[in-house]
Amino acid sequence: MNPSEYLLQLLKDKQQLTSFPNSFVHIGRLLDSEISRVRSNLFYLGLNKEPLQLPEPSGSPVTLTEKLSVPVRDHPDFNFVGRLLGPRGLTIKQLELDTGCRILIRGQGSMRDKHKEEQMKGKAKWEHLNEDLHVLVTAEDAKNRAAVRLRKAVDEVKKLLMPIPESEDELKKRQLTELAVLNGTYKGFNGGILLTKSRGPSNAFTTILLHFFLFVGMLSEID
């Protein structure tokens, strides 16, 4: 089984676990960790990501929250929600795993179903839909560790909220490559260029990267 097939199987296993809510918690965490590892190696190797360094816990557990505005008024044509979520929500999930924070997209435009969003406005627990689009980042831990987690997550979210020209957006290119693999539209290589059914050539770095992992076998294949 090659790495892309392995990732698809992991995601399928994760989906099947949703049929058993509040059960197999540890298995779910192991799956999340393995999905994170495989995704990082397949699609995001080479991005500058410093691991979270946490101090020894000190103080009572606390919950810290920070609200970040999404600059949709200044950049109305930029797809901030899609950039934050990534393919099947995996970009934001990866960030949650990396930081140990809960990251939620809230406010007008946060729901994919716009008709449902209009229906839910004004209802209890949906008051946020009357606010401008924003991101809520929440950290729960000992006081000193929660502050570190929150700062790391906020810094990473701010990076995702910076509009980048499509031709220069390395993250988006990797997200599109990941989406092609997840959707089964990845077609392999033609003269060294990555092709999918719906899109043309990807950038050379991503092409070389996927070629290295998928065919040289740097990732351990699991049968």
C-alpha atoms as a PDB file:
ATOM      1  CA  MET A   1       0.000   0.000   0.000  1.00  0.00           C
ATOM      2  CA  ASN A   2       1.558   3.310  -1.028  1.00  0.00           C
ATOM      3  CA  PRO A   3       1.440   6.366   1.276  1.00  0.00           C
ATOM      4  CA  SER A   4      -1.472   8.077  -0.494  1.00  0.00           C
ATOM      5  CA  GLU A   5      -3.580   4.901  -0.282  1.00  0.00           C
ATOM      6  CA  TYR A   6      -2.578   4.561   3.361  1.00  0.00           C
ATOM      7  CA  LEU A   7      -3.757   8.110   4.072  1.00  0.00           C
ATOM      8  CA  LEU A   8      -7.106   7.413   2.415  1.00  0.00           C
ATOM      9  CA  GLN A   9      -7.505   4.261   4.520  1.00  0.00           C
ATOM     10  CA  LEU A  10      -6.706   6.193   7.697  1.00  0.00           C
ATOM     11  CA  LEU A  11      -9.344   8.790   6.823  1.00  0.00           C
ATOM     12  CA  LYS A  12     -11.852   6.036   6.108  1.00  0.00           C
ATOM     13  CA  ASP A  13     -11.102   4.447   9.487  1.00  0.00           C
ATOM     14  CA  LYS A  14     -11.523   7.830  11.158  1.00  0.00           C
ATOM     15  CA  GLN A  15     -14.895   8.320   9.453  1.00  0.00           C
ATOM     16  CA  GLN A  16     -16.063   4.899  10.612  1.00  0.00           C
ATOM     17  CA  LEU A  17     -15.230   5.841  14.205  1.00  0.00           C
ATOM     18  CA  THR A  18     -17.821   8.626  14.048  1.00  0.00           C
ATOM     19  CA  SER A  19     -20.464   5.900  14.192  1.00  0.00           C
ATOM     20  CA  PHE A  20     -19.347   5.274  17.784  1.00  0.00           C
ATOM     21  CA  PRO A  21     -19.373   8.693  19.487  1.00  0.00           C
ATOM     22  CA  ASN A  22     -17.504   8.881  22.810  1.00  0.00           C
ATOM     23  CA  SER A  23     -16.108   5.396  22.218  1.00  0.00           C
ATOM     24  CA  PHE A  24     -12.592   4.294  21.251  1.00  0.00           C
ATOM     25  CA  VAL A  25     -11.201   7.679  22.318  1.00  0.00           C
ATOM     26  CA  HIS A  26      -7.607   6.475  22.400  1.00  0.00           C
ATOM     27  CA  ILE A  27      -7.915   4.840  18.991  1.00  0.00           C
ATOM     28  CA  GLY A  28      -9.236   8.126  17.634  1.00  0.00           C
ATOM     29  CA  ARG A  29      -6.243   9.985  19.031  1.00  0.00           C
ATOM     30  CA  LEU A  30      -3.843   7.453  17.545  1.00  0.00           C
ATOM     31  CA  LEU A  31      -5.547   7.824  14.170  1.00  0.00           C
ATOM     32  CA  ASP A  32      -5.326  11.617  14.383  1.00  0.00           C
ATOM     33  CA  SER A  33      -1.630  11.387  15.183  1.00  0.00           C
ATOM     34  CA  GLU A  34      -0.928   9.008  12.313  1.00  0.00           C
ATOM     35  CA  ILE A  35      -2.986  11.068   9.843  1.00  0.00           C
ATOM     36  CA  SER A  36      -1.000  14.121  10.912  1.00  0.00           C
ATOM     37  CA  ARG A  37       2.311  12.331  10.420  1.00  0.00           C
ATOM     38  CA  VAL A  38       1.460  10.972   6.974  1.00  0.00           C
ATOM     39  CA  ARG A  39       0.012  14.296   5.767  1.00  0.00           C
ATOM     40  CA  SER A  40       3.061  16.198   6.956  1.00  0.00           C
ATOM     41  CA  ASN A  41       5.423  13.854   5.146  1.00  0.00           C
ATOM     42  CA  LEU A  42       3.364  13.672   1.972  1.00  0.00           C
ATOM     43  CA  PHE A  43       2.404  17.287   1.476  1.00  0.00           C
ATOM     44  CA  TYR A  44       4.100  19.660   3.882  1.00  0.00           C
ATOM     45  CA  LEU A  45       7.722  18.611   4.207  1.00  0.00           C
ATOM     46  CA  GLY A  46       9.914  21.639   3.677  1.00  0.00           C
ATOM     47  CA  LEU A  47       7.547  24.161   5.259  1.00  0.00           C
ATOM     48  CA  ASN A  48       9.151  25.933   8.195  1.00  0.00           C
ATOM     49  CA  LYS A  49       7.245  24.497  11.154  1.00  0.00           C
ATOM     50  CA  GLU A  50       8.826  24.690  14.573  1.00  0.00           C
ATOM     51  CA  PRO A  51       7.443  22.109  17.022  1.00  0.00           C
ATOM     52  CA  LEU A  52       5.616  23.423  20.059  1.00  0.00           C
ATOM     53  CA  GLN A  53       7.908  23.697  23.081  1.00  0.00           C
ATOM     54  CA  LEU A  54       5.940  23.449  26.326  1.00  0.00           C
ATOM     55  CA  PRO A  55       7.275  24.223  29.820  1.00  0.00           C
ATOM     56  CA  GLU A  56       6.611  22.024  32.818  1.00  0.00           C
ATOM     57  CA  PRO A  57       3.026  22.651  33.977  1.00  0.00           C
ATOM     58  CA  SER A  58       2.658  25.327  36.626  1.00  0.00           C
ATOM     59  CA  GLY A  59      -0.534  26.690  38.077  1.00  0.00           C
ATOM     60  CA  SER A  60      -4.143  25.595  37.948  1.00  0.00           C
ATOM     61  CA  PRO A  61      -5.827  24.613  34.681  1.00  0.00           C
ATOM     62  CA  VAL A  62      -7.261  27.582  32.809  1.00  0.00           C
ATOM     63  CA  THR A  63      -9.109  28.259  29.576  1.00  0.00           C
ATOM     64  CA  LEU A  64      -7.728  31.047  27.399  1.00  0.00           C
ATOM     65  CA  THR A  65      -9.485  32.357  24.292  1.00  0.00           C
ATOM     66  CA  GLU A  66      -8.532  34.853  21.605  1.00  0.00           C
ATOM     67  CA  LYS A  67     -10.722  36.179  18.809  1.00  0.00           C
ATOM     68  CA  LEU A  68      -9.153  36.998  15.448  1.00  0.00           C
ATOM     69  CA  SER A  69     -10.964  39.041  12.822  1.00  0.00           C
ATOM     70  CA  VAL A  70     -10.908  37.776   9.238  1.00  0.00           C
ATOM     71  CA  PRO A  71     -10.171  40.685   6.851  1.00  0.00           C
ATOM     72  CA  VAL A  72     -12.941  39.876   4.383  1.00  0.00           C
ATOM     73  CA  ARG A  73     -13.925  43.521   3.916  1.00  0.00           C
ATOM     74  CA  ASP A  74     -10.435  44.450   2.792  1.00  0.00           C
ATOM     75  CA  HIS A  75     -10.103  41.325   0.634  1.00  0.00           C
ATOM     76  CA  PRO A  76     -13.651  40.280  -0.377  1.00  0.00           C
ATOM     77  CA  ASP A  77     -12.497  37.939  -3.150  1.00  0.00           C
ATOM     78  CA  PHE A  78     -10.014  35.945  -1.070  1.00  0.00           C
ATOM     79  CA  ASN A  79     -11.210  32.544   0.173  1.00  0.00           C
ATOM     80  CA  PHE A  80     -10.109  32.777   3.794  1.00  0.00           C
ATOM     81  CA  VAL A  81     -12.420  30.001   5.009  1.00  0.00           C
ATOM     82  CA  GLY A  82     -11.153  27.550   2.405  1.00  0.00           C
ATOM     83  CA  ARG A  83      -7.536  28.391   3.210  1.00  0.00           C
ATOM     84  CA  LEU A  84      -8.137  27.887   6.932  1.00  0.00           C
ATOM     85  CA  LEU A  85     -10.042  24.632   6.543  1.00  0.00           C
ATOM     86  CA  GLY A  86      -8.019  23.004   3.779  1.00  0.00           C
ATOM     87  CA  PRO A  87      -9.062  19.753   2.059  1.00  0.00           C
ATOM     88  CA  ARG A  88     -11.817  18.084   4.109  1.00  0.00           C
ATOM     89  CA  GLY A  89     -10.984  20.397   7.015  1.00  0.00           C
ATOM     90  CA  LEU A  90      -7.566  18.814   7.449  1.00  0.00           C
ATOM     91  CA  THR A  91      -5.521  22.024   7.538  1.00  0.00           C
ATOM     92  CA  ILE A  92      -7.315  23.395  10.573  1.00  0.00           C
ATOM     93  CA  LYS A  93      -7.391  19.935  12.154  1.00  0.00           C
ATOM     94  CA  GLN A  94      -3.626  19.664  11.709  1.00  0.00           C
ATOM     95  CA  LEU A  95      -3.174  23.022  13.421  1.00  0.00           C
ATOM     96  CA  GLU A  96      -5.348  21.886  16.323  1.00  0.00           C
ATOM     97  CA  LEU A  97      -3.218  18.761  16.703  1.00  0.00           C
ATOM     98  CA  ASP A  98       0.031  20.726  16.494  1.00  0.00           C
ATOM     99  CA  THR A  99      -0.995  23.269  19.140  1.00  0.00           C
ATOM    100  CA  GLY A 100      -3.492  21.427  21.324  1.00  0.00           C
ATOM    101  CA  CYS A 101      -5.979  24.271  20.807  1.00  0.00           C
ATOM    102  CA  ARG A 102      -9.556  24.334  19.630  1.00  0.00           C
ATOM    103  CA  ILE A 103      -9.911  26.497  16.516  1.00  0.00           C
ATOM    104  CA  LEU A 104     -13.365  27.518  15.298  1.00  0.00           C
ATOM    105  CA  ILE A 105     -14.428  29.661  12.349  1.00  0.00           C
ATOM    106  CA  ARG A 106     -17.413  31.783  13.348  1.00  0.00           C
ATOM    107  CA  GLY A 107     -19.504  34.694  12.097  1.00  0.00           C
ATOM    108  CA  GLN A 108     -21.119  35.604   8.785  1.00  0.00           C
ATOM    109  CA  GLY A 109     -19.859  33.385   5.998  1.00  0.00           C
ATOM    110  CA  SER A 110     -18.537  30.667   8.294  1.00  0.00           C
ATOM    111  CA  MET A 111     -21.051  28.038   7.144  1.00  0.00           C
ATOM    112  CA  ARG A 112     -20.797  26.283   3.809  1.00  0.00           C
ATOM    113  CA  ASP A 113     -24.591  26.087   3.487  1.00  0.00           C
ATOM    114  CA  LYS A 114     -25.614  29.742   3.129  1.00  0.00           C
ATOM    115  CA  HIS A 115     -29.331  28.909   3.221  1.00  0.00           C
ATOM    116  CA  LYS A 116     -28.906  27.119   6.544  1.00  0.00           C
ATOM    117  CA  GLU A 117     -26.814  30.016   7.828  1.00  0.00           C
ATOM    118  CA  GLU A 118     -29.703  32.406   7.162  1.00  0.00           C
ATOM    119  CA  GLN A 119     -32.102  30.025   8.903  1.00  0.00           C
ATOM    120  CA  MET A 120     -29.926  29.737  12.013  1.00  0.00           C
ATOM    121  CA  LYS A 121     -29.330  33.476  12.474  1.00  0.00           C
ATOM    122  CA  GLY A 122     -30.871  34.757  15.694  1.00  0.00           C
ATOM    123  CA  LYS A 123     -31.351  31.309  17.214  1.00  0.00           C
ATOM    124  CA  ALA A 124     -29.872  30.274  20.542  1.00  0.00           C
ATOM    125  CA  LYS A 125     -26.192  29.259  20.319  1.00  0.00           C
ATOM    126  CA  TRP A 126     -25.983  30.752  16.824  1.00  0.00           C
ATOM    127  CA  GLU A 127     -25.643  34.392  17.842  1.00  0.00           C
ATOM    128  CA  HIS A 128     -22.159  34.478  16.341  1.00  0.00           C
ATOM    129  CA  LEU A 129     -23.709  34.492  12.851  1.00  0.00           C
ATOM    130  CA  ASN A 130     -24.666  38.123  13.441  1.00  0.00           C
ATOM    131  CA  GLU A 131     -20.997  39.017  13.889  1.00  0.00           C
ATOM    132  CA  ASP A 132     -18.327  39.605  11.270  1.00  0.00           C
ATOM    133  CA  LEU A 133     -16.335  36.566  10.176  1.00  0.00           C
ATOM    134  CA  HIS A 134     -13.749  35.628  12.814  1.00  0.00           C
ATOM    135  CA  VAL A 135     -11.699  32.792  14.264  1.00  0.00           C
ATOM    136  CA  LEU A 136     -11.918  31.699  17.902  1.00  0.00           C
ATOM    137  CA  VAL A 137      -8.822  30.041  19.342  1.00  0.00           C
ATOM    138  CA  THR A 138      -9.147  28.312  22.727  1.00  0.00           C
ATOM    139  CA  ALA A 139      -6.437  26.679  24.830  1.00  0.00           C
ATOM    140  CA  GLU A 140      -7.010  24.577  27.948  1.00  0.00           C
ATOM    141  CA  ASP A 141      -4.024  23.609  30.095  1.00  0.00           C
ATOM    142  CA  ALA A 142      -2.006  24.706  33.100  1.00  0.00           C
ATOM    143  CA  LYS A 143      -1.806  28.495  33.024  1.00  0.00           C
ATOM    144  CA  ASN A 144       1.758  28.752  31.719  1.00  0.00           C
ATOM    145  CA  ARG A 145       1.266  26.033  29.093  1.00  0.00           C
ATOM    146  CA  ALA A 146      -2.112  27.347  27.929  1.00  0.00           C
ATOM    147  CA  ALA A 147      -0.510  30.710  27.180  1.00  0.00           C
ATOM    148  CA  VAL A 148       2.177  29.045  25.043  1.00  0.00           C
ATOM    149  CA  ARG A 149      -0.387  26.939  23.182  1.00  0.00           C
ATOM    150  CA  LEU A 150      -2.618  29.929  22.528  1.00  0.00           C
ATOM    151  CA  ARG A 151       0.218  32.125  21.266  1.00  0.00           C
ATOM    152  CA  LYS A 152       1.450  29.429  18.890  1.00  0.00           C
ATOM    153  CA  ALA A 153      -2.023  28.784  17.481  1.00  0.00           C
ATOM    154  CA  VAL A 154      -2.794  32.495  17.111  1.00  0.00           C
ATOM    155  CA  ASP A 155       0.493  33.102  15.297  1.00  0.00           C
ATOM    156  CA  GLU A 156      -0.222  30.251  12.861  1.00  0.00           C
ATOM    157  CA  VAL A 157      -3.802  31.394  12.232  1.00  0.00           C
ATOM    158  CA  LYS A 158      -2.559  34.925  11.529  1.00  0.00           C
ATOM    159  CA  LYS A 159      -0.269  33.494   8.857  1.00  0.00           C
ATOM    160  CA  LEU A 160      -3.257  31.787   7.230  1.00  0.00           C
ATOM    161  CA  LEU A 161      -5.179  35.074   7.312  1.00  0.00           C
ATOM    162  CA  MET A 162      -2.559  36.873   5.237  1.00  0.00           C
ATOM    163  CA  PRO A 163      -3.797  37.168   1.614  1.00  0.00           C
ATOM    164  CA  ILE A 164      -1.182  35.813  -0.779  1.00  0.00           C
ATOM    165  CA  PRO A 165      -1.266  36.016  -4.594  1.00  0.00           C
ATOM    166  CA  GLU A 166      -2.278  32.642  -5.983  1.00  0.00           C
ATOM    167  CA  SER A 167       0.946  32.310  -7.967  1.00  0.00           C
ATOM    168  CA  GLU A 168       2.965  32.670  -4.749  1.00  0.00           C
ATOM    169  CA  ASP A 169       0.739  30.661  -2.413  1.00  0.00           C
ATOM    170  CA  GLU A 170       2.734  27.513  -1.695  1.00  0.00           C
ATOM    171  CA  LEU A 171       0.231  26.316   0.911  1.00  0.00           C
ATOM    172  CA  LYS A 172      -2.668  26.477  -1.547  1.00  0.00           C
ATOM    173  CA  LYS A 173      -0.694  24.489  -4.115  1.00  0.00           C
ATOM    174  CA  ARG A 174      -0.023  21.797  -1.550  1.00  0.00           C
ATOM    175  CA  GLN A 175      -3.666  21.833  -0.453  1.00  0.00           C
ATOM    176  CA  LEU A 176      -4.775  21.331  -4.072  1.00  0.00           C
ATOM    177  CA  THR A 177      -2.341  18.442  -4.469  1.00  0.00           C
ATOM    178  CA  GLU A 178      -3.637  16.891  -1.267  1.00  0.00           C
ATOM    179  CA  LEU A 179      -7.231  17.345  -2.428  1.00  0.00           C
ATOM    180  CA  ALA A 180      -6.450  15.587  -5.716  1.00  0.00           C
ATOM    181  CA  VAL A 181      -5.011  12.605  -3.859  1.00  0.00           C
ATOM    182  CA  LEU A 182      -7.933  12.474  -1.410  1.00  0.00           C
ATOM    183  CA  ASN A 183     -10.489  12.687  -4.230  1.00  0.00           C
ATOM    184  CA  GLY A 184      -8.774   9.985  -6.242  1.00  0.00           C
ATOM    185  CA  THR A 185      -8.098  12.357  -9.145  1.00  0.00           C
ATOM    186  CA  TYR A 186      -4.347  12.169  -8.758  1.00  0.00           C
ATOM    187  CA  LYS A 187      -3.016  10.828 -12.047  1.00  0.00           C
ATOM    188  CA  GLY A 188       0.662  10.398 -11.334  1.00  0.00           C
ATOM    189  CA  PHE A 189       3.430  11.876 -13.435  1.00  0.00           C
ATOM    190  CA  ASN A 190       3.709  12.661 -17.099  1.00  0.00           C
ATOM    191  CA  GLY A 191       7.189  13.744 -18.029  1.00  0.00           C
ATOM    192  CA  GLY A 192       7.878  14.691 -14.408  1.00  0.00           C
ATOM    193  CA  ILE A 193       4.752  16.877 -14.093  1.00  0.00           C
ATOM    194  CA  LEU A 194       1.988  16.127 -11.619  1.00  0.00           C
ATOM    195  CA  LEU A 195      -1.413  15.916 -13.335  1.00  0.00           C
ATOM    196  CA  THR A 196      -4.955  15.496 -12.091  1.00  0.00           C
ATOM    197  CA  LYS A 197      -8.208  14.995 -13.961  1.00  0.00           C
ATOM    198  CA  SER A 198      -9.355  18.530 -13.290  1.00  0.00           C
ATOM    199  CA  ARG A 199      -6.183  20.591 -13.068  1.00  0.00           C
ATOM    200  CA  GLY A 200      -2.993  21.110 -14.984  1.00  0.00           C
ATOM    201  CA  PRO A 201       0.607  21.002 -13.799  1.00  0.00           C
ATOM    202  CA  SER A 202       1.386  21.683 -10.178  1.00  0.00           C
ATOM    203  CA  ASN A 203       4.535  23.442  -9.068  1.00  0.00           C
ATOM    204  CA  ALA A 204       7.852  21.664  -9.466  1.00  0.00           C
ATOM    205  CA  PHE A 205       8.606  21.427  -5.761  1.00  0.00           C
ATOM    206  CA  THR A 206       5.354  19.633  -4.974  1.00  0.00           C
ATOM    207  CA  THR A 207       5.865  17.366  -7.978  1.00  0.00           C
ATOM    208  CA  ILE A 208       9.329  16.347  -6.876  1.00  0.00           C
ATOM    209  CA  LEU A 209       8.163  15.957  -3.289  1.00  0.00           C
ATOM    210  CA  LEU A 210       5.286  13.638  -4.117  1.00  0.00           C
ATOM    211  CA  HIS A 211       7.411  11.698  -6.581  1.00  0.00           C
ATOM    212  CA  PHE A 212       9.970  11.163  -3.842  1.00  0.00           C
ATOM    213  CA  PHE A 213       7.463   9.881  -1.305  1.00  0.00           C
ATOM    214  CA  LEU A 214       5.140   7.939  -3.562  1.00  0.00           C
ATOM    215  CA  PHE A 215       7.723   6.153  -5.689  1.00  0.00           C
ATOM    216  CA  VAL A 216      11.069   6.196  -3.920  1.00  0.00           C
ATOM    217  CA  GLY A 217       9.384   5.026  -0.731  1.00  0.00           C
ATOM    218  CA  MET A 218      10.794   7.292   1.956  1.00  0.00           C
ATOM    219  CA  LEU A 219       7.626   6.642   3.902  1.00  0.00           C
ATOM    220  CA  SER A 220       7.319   3.112   5.214  1.00  0.00           C
ATOM    221  CA  GLU A 221       4.775   1.238   3.170  1.00  0.00           C
ATOM    222  CA  ILE A 222       2.226  -0.645   5.211  1.00  0.00           C
ATOM    223  CA  ASP A 223       0.710  -3.774   3.720  1.00  0.00           C
END
